[in-house]
Amino acid sequence: MIAHIRGKIEEKFGTNGIIVDVNGVGYEIMVPSLDFEACNLGEERKFYTYHQVRENAEELYGFTSLTAKKIFEMLISVQGIGPKAGIAIMSLAEAEEVRNAIANADAGFVAKASGVGKKSAERIIVDLRDKVGVPSRYGATEVAKRTSSEPDEALDALMALGFPLKEATAALEKVDVSLPVEERVRLALKN
């Protein structure tokens, strides 16, 4: 299993395909459109990857944050939702906005993804609402443009320590976001 890839962006194609060169080997990775837009040719980037092996193909799906990868894995665990629909949902907004939409049972937001209908969106809400943690804010989710290319490093750190997404989100809920990452993690562990 390929857990992550760090390398130079060599090519971009389509609406979400990139080729990352790692010491002379090019890996084709499908990424959410927000990550695709943030990638510049020639820059070095790290992607947390989901490696799908099927009978007739092997595909890599990449995300700039561990949180986004975990949400994607939750999405594709829902019956009828495959990796292409998962990428389409993750392309709607930042990972936190997608998580928040699911936590708020905002099926209308999820249904905006290409290839995801109303019934599929409702199934996602039913299956994942209790697994994604509490909403960070309440109400309908708007399609948001990327405000920062930086993922929430404190959330990623807690997940790397073995916390499930729901517990990591709950632990960080009462911690001031303006604090340094290390302090946020320390306070979340203390709670």
N, C-alpha and C. Protein backbone atom coordinates (compact mmCIF):
# COMPACT_ATOMS: atom_id res chain seq x y z
N MET A 1 0.84 -1.18 0.00
CA MET A 1 0.00 0.00 0.00
C MET A 1 0.89 1.25 0.00
N ILE A 2 0.52 2.20 -0.79
CA ILE A 2 1.26 3.46 -0.87
C ILE A 2 0.55 4.47 0.03
N ALA A 3 1.18 4.86 1.13
CA ALA A 3 0.55 5.73 2.12
C ALA A 3 0.68 7.21 1.74
N HIS A 4 1.83 7.61 1.23
CA HIS A 4 1.99 9.00 0.78
C HIS A 4 3.11 9.06 -0.24
N ILE A 5 3.08 10.14 -1.00
CA ILE A 5 4.09 10.38 -2.04
C ILE A 5 4.54 11.83 -1.91
N ARG A 6 5.87 12.02 -1.95
CA ARG A 6 6.43 13.37 -1.95
C ARG A 6 7.31 13.47 -3.19
N GLY A 7 7.05 14.47 -3.99
CA GLY A 7 7.84 14.64 -5.20
C GLY A 7 7.48 15.93 -5.91
N LYS A 8 8.05 16.09 -7.09
CA LYS A 8 7.88 17.30 -7.87
C LYS A 8 6.71 17.13 -8.84
N ILE A 9 5.87 18.14 -8.94
CA ILE A 9 4.74 18.12 -9.87
C ILE A 9 5.31 18.29 -11.28
N GLU A 10 5.17 17.25 -12.08
CA GLU A 10 5.71 17.28 -13.45
C GLU A 10 4.67 17.67 -14.48
N GLU A 11 3.43 17.17 -14.32
CA GLU A 11 2.38 17.45 -15.29
C GLU A 11 1.04 17.59 -14.58
N LYS A 12 0.16 18.35 -15.22
CA LYS A 12 -1.23 18.45 -14.79
C LYS A 12 -2.08 18.16 -16.02
N PHE A 13 -3.15 17.37 -15.85
CA PHE A 13 -4.00 17.07 -16.99
C PHE A 13 -5.45 16.92 -16.54
N GLY A 14 -6.35 17.16 -17.50
CA GLY A 14 -7.77 17.09 -17.16
C GLY A 14 -8.13 18.12 -16.11
N THR A 15 -9.08 17.75 -15.25
CA THR A 15 -9.51 18.67 -14.20
C THR A 15 -8.97 18.29 -12.84
N ASN A 16 -8.36 17.07 -12.73
CA ASN A 16 -7.85 16.67 -11.42
C ASN A 16 -6.73 15.64 -11.48
N GLY A 17 -6.05 15.54 -12.59
CA GLY A 17 -4.95 14.59 -12.69
C GLY A 17 -3.59 15.28 -12.64
N ILE A 18 -2.68 14.68 -11.89
CA ILE A 18 -1.32 15.20 -11.84
C ILE A 18 -0.34 14.03 -11.94
N ILE A 19 0.87 14.33 -12.35
CA ILE A 19 1.94 13.35 -12.33
C ILE A 19 3.03 13.91 -11.42
N VAL A 20 3.36 13.12 -10.39
CA VAL A 20 4.37 13.50 -9.41
C VAL A 20 5.62 12.67 -9.67
N ASP A 21 6.75 13.34 -9.89
CA ASP A 21 8.02 12.65 -10.12
C ASP A 21 8.72 12.43 -8.79
N VAL A 22 8.97 11.16 -8.48
CA VAL A 22 9.69 10.79 -7.27
C VAL A 22 10.95 10.05 -7.71
N ASN A 23 12.07 10.75 -7.70
CA ASN A 23 13.35 10.17 -8.10
C ASN A 23 13.29 9.45 -9.44
N GLY A 24 12.68 10.09 -10.43
CA GLY A 24 12.64 9.54 -11.78
C GLY A 24 11.46 8.63 -12.07
N VAL A 25 10.61 8.37 -11.10
CA VAL A 25 9.42 7.56 -11.32
C VAL A 25 8.21 8.48 -11.22
N GLY A 26 7.37 8.48 -12.26
CA GLY A 26 6.19 9.33 -12.29
C GLY A 26 4.97 8.60 -11.80
N TYR A 27 4.31 9.15 -10.79
CA TYR A 27 3.07 8.57 -10.26
C TYR A 27 1.90 9.43 -10.71
N GLU A 28 0.92 8.81 -11.35
CA GLU A 28 -0.29 9.51 -11.75
C GLU A 28 -1.26 9.47 -10.58
N ILE A 29 -1.68 10.65 -10.15
CA ILE A 29 -2.55 10.76 -8.98
C ILE A 29 -3.76 11.63 -9.33
N MET A 30 -4.93 11.15 -8.94
CA MET A 30 -6.15 11.94 -9.09
C MET A 30 -6.36 12.68 -7.77
N VAL A 31 -6.55 13.98 -7.84
CA VAL A 31 -6.69 14.80 -6.64
C VAL A 31 -7.98 15.62 -6.72
N PRO A 32 -8.51 16.07 -5.58
CA PRO A 32 -9.66 16.98 -5.62
C PRO A 32 -9.30 18.26 -6.37
N SER A 33 -10.29 18.89 -6.96
CA SER A 33 -10.01 20.06 -7.81
C SER A 33 -9.34 21.20 -7.05
N LEU A 34 -9.64 21.36 -5.74
CA LEU A 34 -8.98 22.44 -4.98
C LEU A 34 -7.48 22.17 -4.83
N ASP A 35 -7.11 20.90 -4.61
CA ASP A 35 -5.69 20.55 -4.54
C ASP A 35 -5.04 20.71 -5.92
N PHE A 36 -5.78 20.35 -6.97
CA PHE A 36 -5.29 20.47 -8.34
C PHE A 36 -4.95 21.93 -8.65
N GLU A 37 -5.87 22.83 -8.29
CA GLU A 37 -5.65 24.26 -8.55
C GLU A 37 -4.46 24.81 -7.76
N ALA A 38 -4.22 24.27 -6.57
CA ALA A 38 -3.13 24.76 -5.72
C ALA A 38 -1.76 24.25 -6.14
N CYS A 39 -1.73 23.22 -6.99
CA CYS A 39 -0.44 22.66 -7.44
C CYS A 39 0.15 23.48 -8.57
N ASN A 40 1.42 23.75 -8.47
CA ASN A 40 2.14 24.45 -9.54
C ASN A 40 3.20 23.52 -10.10
N LEU A 41 3.36 23.55 -11.41
CA LEU A 41 4.37 22.72 -12.05
C LEU A 41 5.74 23.04 -11.48
N GLY A 42 6.51 22.01 -11.20
CA GLY A 42 7.87 22.16 -10.72
C GLY A 42 8.02 22.24 -9.21
N GLU A 43 6.93 22.46 -8.47
CA GLU A 43 7.05 22.54 -7.03
C GLU A 43 6.98 21.14 -6.41
N GLU A 44 7.60 21.01 -5.23
CA GLU A 44 7.56 19.74 -4.52
C GLU A 44 6.37 19.74 -3.58
N ARG A 45 5.59 18.65 -3.61
CA ARG A 45 4.40 18.52 -2.76
C ARG A 45 4.32 17.13 -2.18
N LYS A 46 3.62 17.01 -1.07
CA LYS A 46 3.36 15.71 -0.44
C LYS A 46 1.86 15.43 -0.55
N PHE A 47 1.52 14.21 -0.93
CA PHE A 47 0.14 13.79 -1.02
C PHE A 47 -0.06 12.52 -0.21
N TYR A 48 -1.08 12.52 0.65
CA TYR A 48 -1.49 11.30 1.33
C TYR A 48 -2.34 10.55 0.31
N THR A 49 -2.04 9.30 0.07
CA THR A 49 -2.67 8.60 -1.03
C THR A 49 -3.56 7.45 -0.60
N TYR A 50 -4.55 7.20 -1.42
CA TYR A 50 -5.40 6.02 -1.32
C TYR A 50 -5.13 5.22 -2.58
N HIS A 51 -4.69 3.99 -2.42
CA HIS A 51 -4.30 3.13 -3.54
C HIS A 51 -5.42 2.13 -3.79
N GLN A 52 -6.11 2.28 -4.91
CA GLN A 52 -7.19 1.37 -5.24
C GLN A 52 -6.70 0.34 -6.26
N VAL A 53 -6.86 -0.93 -5.92
CA VAL A 53 -6.46 -2.00 -6.82
C VAL A 53 -7.73 -2.71 -7.26
N ARG A 54 -7.96 -2.73 -8.56
CA ARG A 54 -9.10 -3.45 -9.13
C ARG A 54 -8.58 -4.51 -10.08
N GLU A 55 -9.48 -5.29 -10.59
CA GLU A 55 -9.10 -6.39 -11.49
C GLU A 55 -8.35 -5.89 -12.72
N ASN A 56 -8.77 -4.76 -13.26
CA ASN A 56 -8.17 -4.27 -14.50
C ASN A 56 -7.42 -2.94 -14.37
N ALA A 57 -7.26 -2.44 -13.15
CA ALA A 57 -6.56 -1.15 -13.00
C ALA A 57 -6.09 -0.94 -11.57
N GLU A 58 -5.07 -0.11 -11.45
CA GLU A 58 -4.60 0.39 -10.16
C GLU A 58 -4.62 1.91 -10.26
N GLU A 59 -5.22 2.56 -9.28
CA GLU A 59 -5.32 4.01 -9.31
C GLU A 59 -4.90 4.59 -7.97
N LEU A 60 -4.29 5.78 -8.03
CA LEU A 60 -3.91 6.51 -6.83
C LEU A 60 -4.76 7.78 -6.73
N TYR A 61 -5.28 8.02 -5.54
CA TYR A 61 -6.02 9.23 -5.24
C TYR A 61 -5.24 9.95 -4.16
N GLY A 62 -4.98 11.24 -4.34
CA GLY A 62 -4.13 11.96 -3.41
C GLY A 62 -4.79 13.16 -2.77
N PHE A 63 -4.32 13.49 -1.57
CA PHE A 63 -4.87 14.59 -0.79
C PHE A 63 -3.74 15.28 -0.05
N THR A 64 -3.84 16.60 0.08
CA THR A 64 -2.76 17.34 0.74
C THR A 64 -2.84 17.25 2.26
N SER A 65 -3.95 16.72 2.80
CA SER A 65 -4.04 16.54 4.24
C SER A 65 -4.53 15.14 4.58
N LEU A 66 -4.10 14.66 5.72
CA LEU A 66 -4.53 13.35 6.20
C LEU A 66 -6.03 13.36 6.50
N THR A 67 -6.54 14.48 6.96
CA THR A 67 -7.97 14.61 7.24
C THR A 67 -8.78 14.38 5.97
N ALA A 68 -8.37 14.99 4.88
CA ALA A 68 -9.08 14.83 3.61
C ALA A 68 -9.07 13.37 3.17
N LYS A 69 -7.94 12.71 3.34
CA LYS A 69 -7.86 11.28 2.97
C LYS A 69 -8.82 10.45 3.80
N LYS A 70 -8.87 10.71 5.11
CA LYS A 70 -9.76 9.94 5.99
C LYS A 70 -11.22 10.17 5.63
N ILE A 71 -11.59 11.40 5.31
CA ILE A 71 -12.97 11.68 4.91
C ILE A 71 -13.28 10.97 3.60
N PHE A 72 -12.35 10.99 2.66
CA PHE A 72 -12.51 10.28 1.40
C PHE A 72 -12.72 8.79 1.65
N GLU A 73 -11.92 8.19 2.53
CA GLU A 73 -12.08 6.77 2.84
C GLU A 73 -13.44 6.48 3.45
N MET A 74 -13.94 7.39 4.29
CA MET A 74 -15.28 7.23 4.84
C MET A 74 -16.33 7.29 3.73
N LEU A 75 -16.16 8.26 2.82
CA LEU A 75 -17.12 8.41 1.73
C LEU A 75 -17.21 7.14 0.88
N ILE A 76 -16.06 6.57 0.52
CA ILE A 76 -16.11 5.40 -0.36
C ILE A 76 -16.51 4.13 0.38
N SER A 77 -16.63 4.21 1.71
CA SER A 77 -17.14 3.05 2.45
C SER A 77 -18.67 2.97 2.37
N VAL A 78 -19.30 4.04 1.91
CA VAL A 78 -20.76 4.07 1.76
C VAL A 78 -21.12 3.31 0.49
N GLN A 79 -22.12 2.44 0.60
CA GLN A 79 -22.55 1.63 -0.53
C GLN A 79 -22.96 2.53 -1.70
N GLY A 80 -22.41 2.23 -2.87
CA GLY A 80 -22.74 2.98 -4.07
C GLY A 80 -21.87 4.19 -4.33
N ILE A 81 -20.95 4.49 -3.43
CA ILE A 81 -20.05 5.65 -3.61
C ILE A 81 -18.65 5.11 -3.90
N GLY A 82 -18.19 5.35 -5.10
CA GLY A 82 -16.85 4.92 -5.49
C GLY A 82 -15.86 6.05 -5.41
N PRO A 83 -14.60 5.77 -5.75
CA PRO A 83 -13.56 6.81 -5.68
C PRO A 83 -13.83 8.04 -6.54
N LYS A 84 -14.42 7.86 -7.71
CA LYS A 84 -14.68 9.03 -8.56
C LYS A 84 -15.73 9.95 -7.93
N ALA A 85 -16.76 9.38 -7.34
CA ALA A 85 -17.75 10.18 -6.63
C ALA A 85 -17.14 10.79 -5.37
N GLY A 86 -16.27 10.03 -4.70
CA GLY A 86 -15.59 10.54 -3.51
C GLY A 86 -14.74 11.76 -3.84
N ILE A 87 -13.99 11.69 -4.94
CA ILE A 87 -13.16 12.83 -5.37
C ILE A 87 -14.06 14.01 -5.73
N ALA A 88 -15.18 13.74 -6.39
CA ALA A 88 -16.11 14.82 -6.76
C ALA A 88 -16.64 15.52 -5.51
N ILE A 89 -16.98 14.75 -4.47
CA ILE A 89 -17.46 15.36 -3.22
C ILE A 89 -16.35 16.15 -2.55
N MET A 90 -15.14 15.58 -2.51
CA MET A 90 -14.01 16.28 -1.90
C MET A 90 -13.60 17.53 -2.70
N SER A 91 -14.02 17.60 -3.97
CA SER A 91 -13.72 18.76 -4.81
C SER A 91 -14.66 19.93 -4.55
N LEU A 92 -15.73 19.70 -3.81
CA LEU A 92 -16.70 20.77 -3.55
C LEU A 92 -16.10 21.90 -2.71
N ALA A 93 -15.30 21.54 -1.72
CA ALA A 93 -14.75 22.53 -0.78
C ALA A 93 -13.62 21.89 0.01
N GLU A 94 -13.06 22.65 0.94
CA GLU A 94 -12.03 22.13 1.83
C GLU A 94 -12.57 20.93 2.61
N ALA A 95 -11.69 20.06 3.07
CA ALA A 95 -12.08 18.86 3.81
C ALA A 95 -12.93 19.20 5.02
N GLU A 96 -12.61 20.27 5.74
CA GLU A 96 -13.38 20.65 6.91
C GLU A 96 -14.80 21.06 6.53
N GLU A 97 -14.96 21.72 5.39
CA GLU A 97 -16.29 22.12 4.94
C GLU A 97 -17.13 20.89 4.56
N VAL A 98 -16.49 19.91 3.91
CA VAL A 98 -17.19 18.68 3.55
C VAL A 98 -17.60 17.93 4.82
N ARG A 99 -16.69 17.82 5.76
CA ARG A 99 -16.98 17.16 7.03
C ARG A 99 -18.12 17.88 7.75
N ASN A 100 -18.06 19.19 7.77
CA ASN A 100 -19.08 19.99 8.42
C ASN A 100 -20.44 19.80 7.75
N ALA A 101 -20.47 19.74 6.42
CA ALA A 101 -21.73 19.53 5.69
C ALA A 101 -22.36 18.19 6.07
N ILE A 102 -21.53 17.15 6.17
CA ILE A 102 -22.04 15.83 6.55
C ILE A 102 -22.54 15.87 8.00
N ALA A 103 -21.79 16.49 8.89
CA ALA A 103 -22.19 16.59 10.30
C ALA A 103 -23.49 17.36 10.47
N ASN A 104 -23.73 18.34 9.60
CA ASN A 104 -24.95 19.14 9.65
C ASN A 104 -26.09 18.53 8.84
N ALA A 105 -25.87 17.34 8.27
CA ALA A 105 -26.88 16.66 7.44
C ALA A 105 -27.30 17.51 6.25
N ASP A 106 -26.35 18.17 5.64
CA ASP A 106 -26.60 19.03 4.49
C ASP A 106 -26.48 18.21 3.20
N ALA A 107 -27.53 17.42 2.91
CA ALA A 107 -27.52 16.56 1.72
C ALA A 107 -27.50 17.38 0.43
N GLY A 108 -28.06 18.58 0.46
CA GLY A 108 -28.06 19.44 -0.72
C GLY A 108 -26.65 19.82 -1.14
N PHE A 109 -25.79 20.08 -0.16
CA PHE A 109 -24.39 20.39 -0.47
C PHE A 109 -23.70 19.19 -1.11
N VAL A 110 -23.86 18.02 -0.51
CA VAL A 110 -23.20 16.80 -1.01
C VAL A 110 -23.71 16.46 -2.41
N ALA A 111 -25.00 16.68 -2.66
CA ALA A 111 -25.60 16.36 -3.96
C ALA A 111 -25.09 17.26 -5.09
N LYS A 112 -24.41 18.36 -4.76
CA LYS A 112 -23.85 19.24 -5.79
C LYS A 112 -22.68 18.60 -6.52
N ALA A 113 -22.11 17.54 -5.96
CA ALA A 113 -20.95 16.88 -6.58
C ALA A 113 -21.38 16.17 -7.86
N SER A 114 -20.52 16.22 -8.85
CA SER A 114 -20.78 15.56 -10.11
C SER A 114 -20.95 14.05 -9.91
N GLY A 115 -22.05 13.50 -10.41
CA GLY A 115 -22.29 12.07 -10.31
C GLY A 115 -22.91 11.62 -9.01
N VAL A 116 -23.25 12.55 -8.14
CA VAL A 116 -23.86 12.21 -6.85
C VAL A 116 -25.28 12.77 -6.84
N GLY A 117 -26.25 11.87 -6.78
CA GLY A 117 -27.64 12.28 -6.76
C GLY A 117 -28.15 12.51 -5.35
N LYS A 118 -29.43 12.89 -5.28
CA LYS A 118 -30.05 13.20 -3.99
C LYS A 118 -30.06 11.97 -3.08
N LYS A 119 -30.42 10.81 -3.62
CA LYS A 119 -30.50 9.59 -2.80
C LYS A 119 -29.12 9.18 -2.30
N SER A 120 -28.10 9.28 -3.14
CA SER A 120 -26.73 8.95 -2.72
C SER A 120 -26.26 9.92 -1.63
N ALA A 121 -26.59 11.18 -1.79
CA ALA A 121 -26.21 12.19 -0.79
C ALA A 121 -26.88 11.89 0.54
N GLU A 122 -28.14 11.52 0.51
CA GLU A 122 -28.85 11.19 1.74
C GLU A 122 -28.26 9.94 2.40
N ARG A 123 -27.87 8.96 1.58
CA ARG A 123 -27.25 7.74 2.12
C ARG A 123 -25.92 8.08 2.80
N ILE A 124 -25.15 8.97 2.21
CA ILE A 124 -23.89 9.41 2.81
C ILE A 124 -24.15 10.05 4.18
N ILE A 125 -25.14 10.92 4.24
CA ILE A 125 -25.48 11.60 5.50
C ILE A 125 -25.87 10.58 6.56
N VAL A 126 -26.74 9.64 6.21
CA VAL A 126 -27.21 8.63 7.16
C VAL A 126 -26.05 7.77 7.66
N ASP A 127 -25.19 7.34 6.74
CA ASP A 127 -24.09 6.44 7.11
C ASP A 127 -22.96 7.13 7.87
N LEU A 128 -22.69 8.41 7.56
CA LEU A 128 -21.49 9.04 8.10
C LEU A 128 -21.71 10.14 9.14
N ARG A 129 -22.93 10.58 9.30
CA ARG A 129 -23.18 11.72 10.19
C ARG A 129 -22.61 11.51 11.59
N ASP A 130 -22.77 10.32 12.13
CA ASP A 130 -22.27 10.05 13.49
C ASP A 130 -20.78 9.72 13.51
N LYS A 131 -20.17 9.55 12.36
CA LYS A 131 -18.76 9.16 12.30
C LYS A 131 -17.81 10.33 12.08
N VAL A 132 -18.33 11.47 11.63
CA VAL A 132 -17.44 12.58 11.27
C VAL A 132 -17.21 13.59 12.38
N GLY A 133 -17.89 13.44 13.50
CA GLY A 133 -17.71 14.36 14.61
C GLY A 133 -18.73 15.48 14.59
N VAL A 134 -18.63 16.35 15.57
CA VAL A 134 -19.59 17.45 15.71
C VAL A 134 -19.31 18.53 14.67
N PRO A 135 -20.35 19.25 14.26
CA PRO A 135 -20.14 20.34 13.30
C PRO A 135 -19.29 21.45 13.92
N SER A 136 -18.43 22.05 13.12
CA SER A 136 -17.64 23.17 13.61
C SER A 136 -18.45 24.46 13.55
N ARG A 137 -19.48 24.45 12.70
CA ARG A 137 -20.46 25.54 12.68
C ARG A 137 -21.74 24.96 12.12
N TYR A 138 -22.84 25.62 12.41
CA TYR A 138 -24.15 25.09 12.06
C TYR A 138 -24.74 25.85 10.89
N GLY A 139 -25.64 25.19 10.17
CA GLY A 139 -26.31 25.81 9.03
C GLY A 139 -25.84 25.20 7.74
N ALA A 140 -26.42 25.67 6.65
CA ALA A 140 -26.09 25.16 5.32
C ALA A 140 -24.66 25.52 4.96
N THR A 141 -24.04 24.63 4.23
CA THR A 141 -22.65 24.82 3.82
C THR A 141 -22.62 25.47 2.45
N GLU A 142 -21.86 26.50 2.31
CA GLU A 142 -21.67 27.15 1.01
C GLU A 142 -20.45 26.55 0.34
N VAL A 143 -20.47 26.52 -0.98
CA VAL A 143 -19.29 26.06 -1.69
C VAL A 143 -18.23 27.13 -1.51
N ALA A 144 -17.14 26.74 -0.83
CA ALA A 144 -16.11 27.71 -0.46
C ALA A 144 -14.88 27.56 -1.33
N LYS A 145 -14.29 28.66 -1.66
CA LYS A 145 -13.02 28.63 -2.37
C LYS A 145 -11.91 28.43 -1.35
N ARG A 146 -10.80 27.90 -1.81
CA ARG A 146 -9.66 27.67 -0.94
C ARG A 146 -9.18 28.99 -0.38
N THR A 147 -9.15 29.05 0.95
CA THR A 147 -8.66 30.27 1.59
C THR A 147 -7.21 30.11 1.99
N SER A 148 -6.78 28.85 2.11
CA SER A 148 -5.41 28.57 2.51
C SER A 148 -5.03 27.21 1.98
N SER A 149 -3.81 27.07 1.54
CA SER A 149 -3.38 25.76 1.04
C SER A 149 -2.89 24.88 2.19
N GLU A 150 -2.94 25.42 3.41
CA GLU A 150 -2.45 24.67 4.57
C GLU A 150 -3.57 23.87 5.22
N PRO A 151 -3.41 22.57 5.37
CA PRO A 151 -4.40 21.78 6.09
C PRO A 151 -4.28 22.04 7.60
N ASP A 152 -5.25 21.57 8.36
CA ASP A 152 -5.20 21.71 9.82
C ASP A 152 -4.19 20.70 10.35
N GLU A 153 -3.00 21.18 10.64
CA GLU A 153 -1.91 20.29 11.06
C GLU A 153 -2.17 19.66 12.42
N ALA A 154 -2.89 20.35 13.29
CA ALA A 154 -3.20 19.78 14.61
C ALA A 154 -4.14 18.59 14.46
N LEU A 155 -5.13 18.70 13.60
CA LEU A 155 -6.05 17.59 13.35
C LEU A 155 -5.31 16.43 12.71
N ASP A 156 -4.45 16.73 11.76
CA ASP A 156 -3.64 15.67 11.13
C ASP A 156 -2.74 14.99 12.15
N ALA A 157 -2.16 15.77 13.08
CA ALA A 157 -1.27 15.20 14.09
C ALA A 157 -2.02 14.25 15.02
N LEU A 158 -3.20 14.66 15.45
CA LEU A 158 -4.00 13.79 16.32
C LEU A 158 -4.39 12.50 15.59
N MET A 159 -4.72 12.61 14.32
CA MET A 159 -5.08 11.41 13.55
C MET A 159 -3.86 10.52 13.35
N ALA A 160 -2.70 11.12 13.18
CA ALA A 160 -1.47 10.34 13.05
C ALA A 160 -1.14 9.61 14.35
N LEU A 161 -1.59 10.18 15.48
CA LEU A 161 -1.40 9.53 16.78
C LEU A 161 -2.41 8.41 17.02
N GLY A 162 -3.33 8.22 16.09
CA GLY A 162 -4.28 7.12 16.19
C GLY A 162 -5.70 7.51 16.57
N PHE A 163 -5.97 8.82 16.73
CA PHE A 163 -7.32 9.25 17.05
C PHE A 163 -8.20 9.12 15.81
N PRO A 164 -9.41 8.58 15.93
CA PRO A 164 -10.36 8.61 14.82
C PRO A 164 -10.78 10.06 14.55
N LEU A 165 -11.25 10.34 13.36
CA LEU A 165 -11.61 11.70 12.96
C LEU A 165 -12.60 12.31 13.94
N LYS A 166 -13.62 11.57 14.35
CA LYS A 166 -14.64 12.11 15.25
C LYS A 166 -14.04 12.56 16.58
N GLU A 167 -13.18 11.71 17.17
CA GLU A 167 -12.58 12.06 18.47
C GLU A 167 -11.57 13.19 18.33
N ALA A 168 -10.80 13.20 17.26
CA ALA A 168 -9.82 14.26 17.04
C ALA A 168 -10.51 15.61 16.89
N THR A 169 -11.62 15.62 16.14
CA THR A 169 -12.38 16.85 15.96
C THR A 169 -12.95 17.33 17.28
N ALA A 170 -13.50 16.41 18.05
CA ALA A 170 -14.08 16.78 19.35
C ALA A 170 -13.01 17.31 20.30
N ALA A 171 -11.81 16.71 20.28
CA ALA A 171 -10.73 17.14 21.16
C ALA A 171 -10.26 18.56 20.82
N LEU A 172 -10.29 18.92 19.55
CA LEU A 172 -9.82 20.25 19.12
C LEU A 172 -10.92 21.31 19.17
N GLU A 173 -12.14 20.88 19.40
CA GLU A 173 -13.28 21.80 19.34
C GLU A 173 -13.13 22.98 20.30
N LYS A 174 -12.62 22.75 21.51
CA LYS A 174 -12.54 23.81 22.52
C LYS A 174 -11.15 24.46 22.59
N VAL A 175 -10.28 24.12 21.65
CA VAL A 175 -8.92 24.67 21.65
C VAL A 175 -8.85 25.85 20.69
N ASP A 176 -8.25 26.93 21.14
CA ASP A 176 -8.11 28.15 20.34
C ASP A 176 -7.30 27.87 19.07
N VAL A 177 -7.89 28.18 17.91
CA VAL A 177 -7.22 27.91 16.64
C VAL A 177 -6.04 28.83 16.37
N SER A 178 -5.92 29.92 17.11
CA SER A 178 -4.81 30.85 16.87
C SER A 178 -3.51 30.39 17.55
N LEU A 179 -3.60 29.38 18.41
CA LEU A 179 -2.40 28.87 19.08
C LEU A 179 -1.52 28.10 18.10
N PRO A 180 -0.22 27.97 18.40
CA PRO A 180 0.65 27.16 17.55
C PRO A 180 0.18 25.69 17.54
N VAL A 181 0.51 24.99 16.48
CA VAL A 181 0.07 23.61 16.29
C VAL A 181 0.43 22.73 17.49
N GLU A 182 1.67 22.83 17.96
CA GLU A 182 2.12 21.98 19.07
C GLU A 182 1.28 22.21 20.32
N GLU A 183 0.95 23.49 20.59
CA GLU A 183 0.15 23.84 21.76
C GLU A 183 -1.28 23.31 21.60
N ARG A 184 -1.84 23.42 20.40
CA ARG A 184 -3.19 22.92 20.15
C ARG A 184 -3.24 21.41 20.38
N VAL A 185 -2.23 20.68 19.90
CA VAL A 185 -2.19 19.22 20.09
C VAL A 185 -2.07 18.89 21.56
N ARG A 186 -1.20 19.60 22.26
CA ARG A 186 -0.99 19.34 23.69
C ARG A 186 -2.29 19.56 24.47
N LEU A 187 -2.98 20.67 24.20
CA LEU A 187 -4.22 20.95 24.90
C LEU A 187 -5.32 19.95 24.53
N ALA A 188 -5.36 19.53 23.29
CA ALA A 188 -6.35 18.54 22.87
C ALA A 188 -6.10 17.20 23.56
N LEU A 189 -4.84 16.82 23.71
CA LEU A 189 -4.51 15.57 24.40
C LEU A 189 -4.85 15.65 25.87
N LYS A 190 -4.73 16.84 26.43
CA LYS A 190 -5.02 17.05 27.85
C LYS A 190 -6.51 16.90 28.14
N ASN A 191 -7.33 17.34 27.18
CA ASN A 191 -8.80 17.28 27.36
C ASN A 191 -9.23 15.88 27.32
